[in-house]
Protein backbone atom coordinates (compact mmCIF):
# COMPACT_ATOMS: atom_id res chain seq x y z
CA UNK A 1 -27.20 -18.59 20.94
CA UNK A 2 -27.32 -15.68 23.32
CA UNK A 3 -25.41 -17.05 25.66
CA UNK A 4 -23.50 -14.88 28.11
CA UNK A 5 -21.92 -14.98 31.34
CA UNK A 6 -21.91 -14.12 35.01
CA UNK A 7 -22.98 -15.46 38.33
CA UNK A 8 -24.99 -15.04 40.23
CA UNK A 9 -26.37 -11.97 38.40
CA UNK A 10 -25.73 -8.70 40.01
CA UNK A 11 -23.85 -6.55 37.97
CA UNK A 12 -22.65 -3.16 39.30
CA UNK A 13 -21.06 0.04 38.00
CA UNK A 14 -17.90 0.92 38.66
CA UNK A 15 -15.03 -1.69 38.00
CA UNK A 16 -11.74 -1.26 38.05
CA UNK A 17 -11.81 -1.25 34.43
CA UNK A 18 -14.33 1.81 34.29
CA UNK A 19 -17.12 -0.80 33.39
CA UNK A 20 -19.95 -2.71 34.92
CA UNK A 21 -19.15 -5.78 36.65
CA UNK A 22 -20.56 -8.86 38.04
CA UNK A 23 -20.63 -9.97 41.66
CA UNK A 24 -18.93 -13.29 40.99
CA UNK A 25 -17.23 -13.12 37.57
CA UNK A 26 -20.17 -14.27 35.71
CA UNK A 27 -21.23 -11.11 34.27
CA UNK A 28 -22.69 -10.52 30.74
CA UNK A 29 -26.18 -9.97 31.41
CA UNK A 30 -26.95 -6.69 32.73
CA UNK A 31 -29.30 -5.57 35.46
CA UNK A 32 -27.38 -2.67 37.17
CA UNK A 33 -30.80 -0.53 37.41
CA UNK A 34 -32.25 -3.36 39.57
CA UNK A 35 -29.51 -3.78 41.95
CA UNK A 36 -27.71 -2.12 44.26
CA UNK A 37 -23.86 -0.98 43.70
CA UNK A 38 -23.19 -1.84 47.26
CA UNK A 39 -22.46 -5.43 46.96
CA UNK A 40 -18.97 -6.52 46.99
CA UNK A 41 -17.05 -7.54 43.85
CA UNK A 42 -16.45 -11.29 43.91
CA UNK A 43 -14.47 -12.66 41.14
CA UNK A 44 -14.91 -16.28 39.77
CA UNK A 45 -11.41 -17.30 40.72
CA UNK A 46 -13.33 -17.46 44.34
CA UNK A 47 -15.95 -19.75 42.96
CA UNK A 48 -15.92 -22.05 46.02
CA UNK A 49 -16.49 -18.91 48.34
CA UNK A 50 -19.43 -17.83 46.14
CA UNK A 51 -21.30 -21.19 47.14
CA UNK A 52 -21.31 -20.23 50.81
CA UNK A 53 -24.17 -20.06 52.74
CA UNK A 54 -24.22 -16.29 53.20
CA UNK A 55 -23.43 -15.80 49.46
CA UNK A 56 -26.42 -18.46 48.61
CA UNK A 57 -28.60 -16.07 50.70
CA UNK A 58 -27.75 -13.12 48.58
CA UNK A 59 -28.25 -15.33 45.59
CA UNK A 60 -31.83 -16.22 46.62
CA UNK A 61 -32.93 -12.64 47.13
CA UNK A 62 -31.72 -11.48 43.65
CA UNK A 63 -33.43 -14.74 42.24
CA UNK A 64 -36.64 -13.67 44.22
CA UNK A 65 -35.99 -9.85 42.60
CA UNK A 66 -35.88 -11.20 38.99
CA UNK A 67 -38.93 -13.25 39.47
CA UNK A 68 -41.03 -10.41 40.97
CA UNK A 69 -39.48 -8.11 37.91
CA UNK A 70 -40.70 -11.08 35.51
CA UNK A 71 -44.16 -11.08 37.30
CA UNK A 72 -44.57 -7.29 36.87
CA UNK A 73 -43.63 -7.45 33.25
CA UNK A 74 -46.38 -10.17 32.74
CA UNK A 75 -48.84 -7.94 34.66
CA UNK A 76 -47.99 -4.84 32.44
CA UNK A 77 -48.35 -6.78 29.24
CA UNK A 78 -51.92 -7.71 29.91
CA UNK A 79 -53.01 -4.36 31.18
CA UNK A 80 -51.08 -1.66 29.18
CA UNK A 81 -51.50 -1.17 25.53
CA UNK A 82 -49.26 -2.83 23.28
CA UNK A 83 -45.98 -1.03 23.17
CA UNK A 84 -47.00 1.42 26.28
CA UNK A 85 -43.40 2.40 27.75
CA UNK A 86 -41.99 -0.90 27.00
CA UNK A 87 -42.10 -4.34 25.10
CA UNK A 88 -43.14 -6.09 27.97
CA UNK A 89 -42.99 -9.66 26.31
CA UNK A 90 -39.34 -8.62 25.46
CA UNK A 91 -38.57 -7.75 28.94
CA UNK A 92 -40.15 -11.10 30.32
CA UNK A 93 -37.90 -13.00 27.79
CA UNK A 94 -34.74 -11.79 28.45
CA UNK A 95 -35.23 -12.04 32.37
CA UNK A 96 -36.52 -15.54 31.67
CA UNK A 97 -33.31 -16.53 29.79
CA UNK A 98 -31.15 -14.69 32.12
CA UNK A 99 -32.67 -16.33 35.37
CA UNK A 100 -32.46 -19.82 33.89
CA UNK A 101 -28.63 -19.29 33.13
CA UNK A 102 -27.77 -17.87 36.08
CA UNK A 103 -29.49 -20.16 38.43
CA UNK A 104 -28.74 -23.42 36.56
CA UNK A 105 -27.51 -24.97 39.76
CA UNK A 106 -30.95 -24.91 41.15
CA UNK A 107 -32.45 -25.94 37.79
CA UNK A 108 -29.97 -28.69 38.05
CA UNK A 109 -30.61 -29.45 41.43
CA UNK A 110 -26.64 -29.59 42.30
CA UNK A 111 -25.82 -30.29 45.83
CA UNK A 112 -24.86 -27.13 47.83
CA UNK A 113 -20.80 -26.71 48.14
CA UNK A 114 -18.59 -26.55 44.90
CA UNK A 115 -19.50 -29.51 43.04
CA UNK A 116 -16.55 -30.31 40.36
CA UNK A 117 -16.98 -29.73 36.69
CA UNK A 118 -17.79 -33.46 35.69
CA UNK A 119 -20.82 -33.52 38.16
CA UNK A 120 -21.98 -30.31 36.69
CA UNK A 121 -21.89 -31.36 33.44
CA UNK A 122 -23.34 -35.02 34.08
CA UNK A 123 -27.04 -33.43 35.05
CA UNK A 124 -29.37 -33.01 31.99
CA UNK A 125 -31.11 -29.90 32.07
CA UNK A 126 -34.89 -30.33 33.04
CA UNK A 127 -38.06 -28.97 31.45
CA UNK A 128 -39.04 -27.77 28.41
CA UNK A 129 -36.54 -27.54 25.42
CA UNK A 130 -36.52 -23.87 25.01
CA UNK A 131 -36.04 -23.37 28.51
CA UNK A 132 -33.33 -25.86 29.11
CA UNK A 133 -30.91 -24.50 26.39
CA UNK A 134 -30.42 -21.46 28.90
CA UNK A 135 -29.78 -24.31 31.94
CA UNK A 136 -27.45 -26.01 29.90
CA UNK A 137 -25.29 -22.80 28.90
CA UNK A 138 -25.34 -21.95 32.72
CA UNK A 139 -24.09 -25.46 33.45
CA UNK A 140 -21.29 -25.08 30.76
CA UNK A 141 -20.26 -21.57 32.37
CA UNK A 142 -20.42 -23.24 35.61
CA UNK A 143 -18.42 -26.11 34.66
CA UNK A 144 -15.73 -23.52 33.24
CA UNK A 145 -15.52 -21.57 36.45
CA UNK A 146 -15.21 -24.90 38.39
CA UNK A 147 -11.76 -25.56 36.45
CA UNK A 148 -8.73 -24.46 36.30
CA UNK A 149 -7.75 -22.44 33.01
CA UNK A 150 -5.03 -25.27 32.83
CA UNK A 151 -7.77 -27.80 32.33
CA UNK A 152 -7.83 -29.88 29.42
CA UNK A 153 -10.35 -32.19 27.70
CA UNK A 154 -13.40 -30.54 29.72
CA UNK A 155 -16.03 -31.44 26.74
CA UNK A 156 -14.11 -34.37 25.39
CA UNK A 157 -12.74 -36.74 28.19
CA UNK A 158 -14.34 -39.00 30.50
CA UNK A 159 -18.41 -39.00 30.60
CA UNK A 160 -18.07 -35.60 28.93
CA UNK A 161 -17.35 -37.21 25.63
CA UNK A 162 -20.99 -38.75 25.85
CA UNK A 163 -22.79 -35.40 26.05
CA UNK A 164 -25.34 -35.38 23.59
CA UNK A 165 -24.50 -33.34 20.34
CA UNK A 166 -27.74 -31.30 20.95
CA UNK A 167 -26.16 -29.67 23.98
CA UNK A 168 -22.95 -28.38 22.40
CA UNK A 169 -24.07 -25.35 21.39
CA UNK A 170 -24.94 -23.90 24.89
CA UNK A 171 -22.15 -25.70 26.61
CA UNK A 172 -19.45 -24.20 24.22
CA UNK A 173 -20.84 -20.94 24.55
CA UNK A 174 -20.84 -21.21 28.45
CA UNK A 175 -17.42 -22.55 28.68
CA UNK A 176 -15.91 -20.21 26.80
CA UNK A 177 -17.37 -17.45 28.32
CA UNK A 178 -16.18 -18.76 31.74
CA UNK A 179 -12.50 -19.05 30.28
CA UNK A 180 -12.74 -15.57 28.90
CA UNK A 181 -13.73 -14.00 32.43
CA UNK A 182 -11.51 -15.80 34.39
CA UNK A 183 -8.38 -15.01 32.31
CA UNK A 184 -9.42 -11.22 31.65
CA UNK A 185 -10.04 -10.69 35.42
CA UNK A 186 -6.13 -11.34 36.01
CA UNK A 187 -5.23 -8.03 33.60
CA UNK A 188 -3.79 -5.10 35.31
CA UNK A 189 -5.77 -2.12 35.51
CA UNK A 190 -4.21 -0.61 32.46
CA UNK A 191 -2.90 -3.38 30.82
CA UNK A 192 -0.05 -3.48 27.96
CA UNK A 193 -0.34 -4.42 24.45
CA UNK A 194 2.02 -7.40 25.28
CA UNK A 195 -0.37 -8.27 28.40
CA UNK A 196 -3.10 -8.33 26.38
CA UNK A 197 -1.74 -10.47 23.61
CA UNK A 198 -0.70 -12.74 26.05
CA UNK A 199 -3.99 -13.18 27.69
CA UNK A 200 -6.07 -13.65 24.35
CA UNK A 201 -3.41 -16.03 23.00
CA UNK A 202 -3.80 -18.23 26.38
CA UNK A 203 -7.66 -17.72 25.88
CA UNK A 204 -7.32 -19.27 22.49
CA UNK A 205 -5.28 -22.10 23.77
CA UNK A 206 -7.69 -22.92 26.63
CA UNK A 207 -10.63 -22.97 24.37
CA UNK A 208 -8.73 -25.18 21.79
CA UNK A 209 -7.66 -27.71 24.53
CA UNK A 210 -11.30 -28.15 26.22
CA UNK A 211 -13.48 -28.08 23.22
CA UNK A 212 -14.82 -30.78 21.02
CA UNK A 213 -12.93 -30.91 17.63
CA UNK A 214 -14.22 -28.48 15.23
CA UNK A 215 -16.00 -26.64 17.68
CA UNK A 216 -13.20 -23.97 18.63
CA UNK A 217 -15.08 -21.09 16.92
CA UNK A 218 -18.33 -21.56 19.29
CA UNK A 219 -15.98 -21.62 22.34
CA UNK A 220 -13.64 -18.49 21.25
CA UNK A 221 -16.64 -16.15 19.96
CA UNK A 222 -17.79 -15.58 23.56
CA UNK A 223 -14.63 -13.45 24.08
CA UNK A 224 -16.43 -10.66 22.06
CA UNK A 225 -19.30 -10.50 24.43
CA UNK A 226 -17.16 -10.74 27.54
CA UNK A 227 -14.83 -7.92 26.64
CA UNK A 228 -17.81 -5.71 25.16
CA UNK A 229 -20.08 -6.11 28.61
CA UNK A 230 -16.80 -5.91 31.07
CA UNK A 231 -13.80 -4.28 29.41
CA UNK A 232 -15.14 -1.80 26.54
CA UNK A 233 -12.27 -0.07 26.61
CA UNK A 234 -10.22 -3.09 25.57
CA UNK A 235 -12.54 -3.60 22.53
CA UNK A 236 -9.65 -2.30 20.05
CA UNK A 237 -6.69 -3.69 21.56
CA UNK A 238 -8.11 -7.36 21.92
CA UNK A 239 -9.51 -7.33 18.41
CA UNK A 240 -6.01 -6.31 17.19
CA UNK A 241 -4.77 -9.39 19.22
CA UNK A 242 -7.04 -11.84 17.79
CA UNK A 243 -6.25 -10.54 14.16
CA UNK A 244 -2.73 -11.14 14.96
CA UNK A 245 -3.36 -14.61 15.51
CA UNK A 246 -5.76 -15.39 12.89
CA UNK A 247 -8.15 -13.07 10.78
CA UNK A 248 -10.78 -15.82 11.52
CA UNK A 249 -10.73 -15.12 15.07
CA UNK A 250 -10.96 -11.32 14.80
CA UNK A 251 -14.12 -11.99 12.80
CA UNK A 252 -15.58 -14.11 15.73
CA UNK A 253 -14.87 -11.89 18.19
CA UNK A 254 -16.96 -8.79 16.67
CA UNK A 255 -20.07 -11.33 16.44
CA UNK A 256 -19.61 -11.85 19.97
CA UNK A 257 -19.46 -8.16 20.74
CA UNK A 258 -22.78 -7.96 18.65
CA UNK A 259 -24.48 -10.67 20.71
CA UNK A 260 -23.24 -9.16 24.13
CA UNK A 261 -24.83 -5.99 23.22
CA UNK A 262 -28.11 -7.25 23.49
CA UNK A 263 -27.48 -7.51 27.04
CA UNK A 264 -25.39 -4.17 28.15
CA UNK A 265 -27.40 -1.90 30.18
CA UNK A 266 -28.34 0.84 27.80
CA UNK A 267 -30.30 -1.92 25.85
CA UNK A 268 -31.65 -4.58 28.52
CA UNK A 269 -35.04 -2.76 28.87
CA UNK A 270 -36.79 -2.58 25.94
CA UNK A 271 -38.26 0.70 26.13
CA UNK A 272 -40.16 2.56 23.47
CA UNK A 273 -37.83 3.02 20.75
CA UNK A 274 -35.16 1.11 22.22
CA UNK A 275 -34.56 -1.47 19.29
CA UNK A 276 -33.88 1.69 16.86
CA UNK A 277 -31.37 3.08 19.10
CA UNK A 278 -30.02 -0.24 19.89
CA UNK A 279 -29.30 -0.93 16.31
CA UNK A 280 -28.19 2.52 15.42
CA UNK A 281 -25.72 2.16 18.35
CA UNK A 282 -24.30 -1.17 16.89
CA UNK A 283 -23.62 0.47 13.90
CA UNK A 284 -21.14 2.72 15.58
CA UNK A 285 -19.27 0.06 17.68
CA UNK A 286 -16.68 -0.07 15.07
CA UNK A 287 -15.81 1.64 11.76
CA UNK A 288 -14.44 -1.24 9.87
CA UNK A 289 -17.07 -2.99 7.62
CA UNK A 290 -16.75 -6.47 7.96
CA UNK A 291 -16.33 -5.97 11.56
CA UNK A 292 -19.65 -3.96 11.81
CA UNK A 293 -21.60 -6.36 9.61
CA UNK A 294 -20.77 -9.12 12.22
CA UNK A 295 -21.32 -6.91 15.22
CA UNK A 296 -25.04 -6.53 13.60
CA UNK A 297 -25.48 -10.17 12.58
CA UNK A 298 -24.39 -11.22 16.14
CA UNK A 299 -26.80 -8.77 17.79
CA UNK A 300 -30.12 -10.05 15.36
CA UNK A 301 -28.92 -13.60 16.29
CA UNK A 302 -29.42 -12.81 20.14
CA UNK A 303 -32.48 -10.99 19.63
CA UNK A 304 -33.87 -13.94 17.54
CA UNK A 305 -33.19 -16.50 19.87
CA UNK A 306 -34.12 -14.98 23.15
CA UNK A 307 -37.51 -14.36 21.55
CA UNK A 308 -37.90 -17.44 19.44
CA UNK A 309 -41.12 -17.92 20.73
CA UNK A 310 -42.50 -14.62 19.93
CA UNK A 311 -41.45 -13.85 16.16
CA UNK A 312 -43.48 -10.42 16.28
CA UNK A 313 -40.33 -9.10 18.14
CA UNK A 314 -38.32 -10.14 15.08
CA UNK A 315 -40.82 -8.84 12.80
CA UNK A 316 -40.61 -5.44 14.69
CA UNK A 317 -36.64 -5.64 14.43
CA UNK A 318 -36.98 -6.43 10.75
CA UNK A 319 -39.03 -3.05 10.07
CA UNK A 320 -36.21 -1.16 11.74
CA UNK A 321 -33.27 -2.97 9.67
CA UNK A 322 -35.46 -2.32 6.78
CA UNK A 323 -35.40 1.49 7.35
CA UNK A 324 -31.59 1.21 8.16
CA UNK A 325 -31.02 -0.98 5.02
CA UNK A 326 -29.42 -3.75 6.86
CA UNK A 327 -31.15 -6.68 5.04
CA UNK A 328 -27.84 -8.92 4.69
CA UNK A 329 -27.25 -8.51 8.25
CA UNK A 330 -30.97 -9.13 9.74
CA UNK A 331 -31.32 -12.20 7.70
CA UNK A 332 -28.07 -14.13 8.70
CA UNK A 333 -28.77 -13.28 12.20
CA UNK A 334 -32.20 -14.97 11.86
CA UNK A 335 -31.35 -17.93 9.65
CA UNK A 336 -28.14 -18.43 11.98
CA UNK A 337 -29.99 -18.69 15.43
CA UNK A 338 -32.84 -20.79 13.45
CA UNK A 339 -30.09 -23.37 12.43
CA UNK A 340 -28.60 -23.12 16.04
CA UNK A 341 -31.90 -23.89 17.40
CA UNK A 342 -32.44 -26.75 15.07
CA UNK A 343 -29.25 -28.06 16.42
CA UNK A 344 -30.14 -27.92 19.91
CA UNK A 345 -33.98 -28.80 19.39
CA UNK A 346 -33.75 -31.30 15.98
CA UNK A 347 -37.44 -32.68 16.71
CA UNK A 348 -39.11 -29.09 16.89
CA UNK A 349 -41.44 -27.52 14.78
CA UNK A 350 -43.74 -25.48 17.02
CA UNK A 351 -41.38 -22.46 17.16
CA UNK A 352 -39.80 -22.49 13.75
CA UNK A 353 -43.10 -22.92 12.25
CA UNK A 354 -43.79 -19.31 12.42
CA UNK A 355 -40.47 -18.40 10.30
CA UNK A 356 -40.94 -20.72 7.70
CA UNK A 357 -44.58 -19.96 6.92
CA UNK A 358 -45.48 -17.14 4.42
CA UNK A 359 -47.38 -14.21 5.70
CA UNK A 360 -50.09 -12.56 3.92
CA UNK A 361 -50.76 -9.19 5.78
CA UNK A 362 -49.22 -5.75 5.45
CA UNK A 363 -45.92 -6.37 5.43
CA UNK A 364 -45.95 -10.04 4.55
CA UNK A 365 -43.83 -9.44 1.35
CA UNK A 366 -40.88 -8.20 3.07
CA UNK A 367 -41.15 -10.48 5.42
CA UNK A 368 -41.25 -13.61 3.36
CA UNK A 369 -38.30 -12.21 1.39
CA UNK A 370 -36.29 -11.47 4.40
CA UNK A 371 -37.15 -14.35 6.69
CA UNK A 372 -39.75 -17.06 5.15
CA UNK A 373 -37.52 -17.79 2.19
CA UNK A 374 -34.21 -17.68 3.74
CA UNK A 375 -35.20 -19.58 6.88
CA UNK A 376 -36.78 -22.52 4.68
CA UNK A 377 -33.48 -22.68 2.50
CA UNK A 378 -31.41 -22.80 5.63
CA UNK A 379 -33.29 -25.29 7.57
CA UNK A 380 -34.16 -27.43 4.65
CA UNK A 381 -31.00 -27.21 2.35
CA UNK A 382 -27.80 -25.79 4.18
CA UNK A 383 -28.46 -27.18 8.11
CA UNK A 384 -28.34 -30.84 7.12
CA UNK A 385 -24.94 -30.41 5.23
CA UNK A 386 -23.44 -28.16 8.19
CA UNK A 387 -24.24 -30.74 10.90
CA UNK A 388 -23.06 -33.65 8.50
CA UNK A 389 -19.56 -31.74 8.27
CA UNK A 390 -19.51 -30.82 11.90
CA UNK A 391 -19.57 -27.28 10.42
CA UNK A 392 -22.10 -25.89 13.23
CA UNK A 393 -19.74 -23.17 14.57
CA UNK A 394 -19.61 -21.57 11.03
CA UNK A 395 -23.00 -19.86 12.43
CA UNK A 396 -20.76 -17.81 14.52
CA UNK A 397 -19.68 -15.52 11.90
CA UNK A 398 -21.59 -13.56 9.25
CA UNK A 399 -21.78 -15.32 5.95
CA UNK A 400 -23.92 -15.26 2.97
CA UNK A 401 -26.27 -18.18 2.22
CA UNK A 402 -24.28 -19.10 -0.76
CA UNK A 403 -20.89 -18.90 1.53
CA UNK A 404 -22.68 -21.29 4.15
CA UNK A 405 -23.85 -23.47 1.33
CA UNK A 406 -20.49 -24.12 0.00
CA UNK A 407 -19.40 -25.34 3.62
CA UNK A 408 -21.83 -28.11 3.01
CA UNK A 409 -19.84 -29.58 -0.07
CA UNK A 410 -16.50 -29.38 1.38
CA UNK A 411 -14.23 -32.57 2.46
CA UNK A 412 -15.56 -34.70 4.63
CA UNK A 413 -14.64 -34.95 8.23
CA UNK A 414 -12.49 -37.93 9.73
CA UNK A 415 -14.40 -40.86 10.36
CA UNK A 416 -16.94 -39.99 7.98
CA UNK A 417 -18.23 -42.41 5.70
CA UNK A 418 -18.93 -42.67 1.93
CA UNK A 419 -22.09 -42.89 0.62
């Protein structure tokens, strides 16, 4: 999913890395234009302090500000011509997903103080499923922040072993993001190559020690999101460190970079022409073809999932990708987001219907080729096999539909019964 980081959601310019920082260490979604840079930098290692009454007052004020911004976007959507200055619906969707993620503790009605990880994970997210996934991701992130980086079995031991499968996508994303933030905040201002390599290795080990079997990729991919949003000067060294461990990890990293791009300050407010600038900028993130393909697919994934209820936003992005000749990256991002959604909400047909139903209007031919046909195949033929073989985390890297289909006919997982 989009899935990001940062609690309580206040991001500020001017970190020691020369990047945007979160007031608490949960910092992937970016609202620097909305917030003052005078707040102190509070890192996630001080998690208990962040739940003090004074800090909660600040969080409440920020939450009110987000809600006012949302209401303003909704008012402008009704009063202003479509596309006037900004895509108000997209802005509303971004703030909504961000708000639910950042204030998951309020949505879950957790007690004040510093609840332990097991208490955080034991609370089911309330509300309609599309809204609850952001709360669930926030819960995963809170649980990661509340735990030591030496923790083991966060999603496998005790009651966590019985968390429903439909929560695994957002929980792993939130947990992986928290681990990345906690480990990377300990870097020196100008970290050496060996320091970066050691931190990356520790991150990979921590993720592997806490994820469900087979879900390593879903936990490690958010590292790209964290580095792109908080430490963009370290993109090259971290990519090299991931490559040194395993080429697969490098690919995951750049997919996470793409998802993070949707929430960097320059892309946050969907102003007129912003989508094209966003895609062009994403194409320049790296010169490596495979890395760039994953960046673009990850970015489209984020746009699709955050705006799932409003397919016209994906349609607008499709027109831009058609102009930029990015059909494969666009289609992979869309079908991957929809299959992730199917895993989170297996009974839903309300939101997926618009993506699998042929369109007969002006650009219907392109939509049907780029979206309708691939989405039907993905949801009907590919997704069941990925789920059966515990391969859902394969959606976190760019793959052709043929490559995804081949994953559905591999060896059975341990314990899987023969037909």
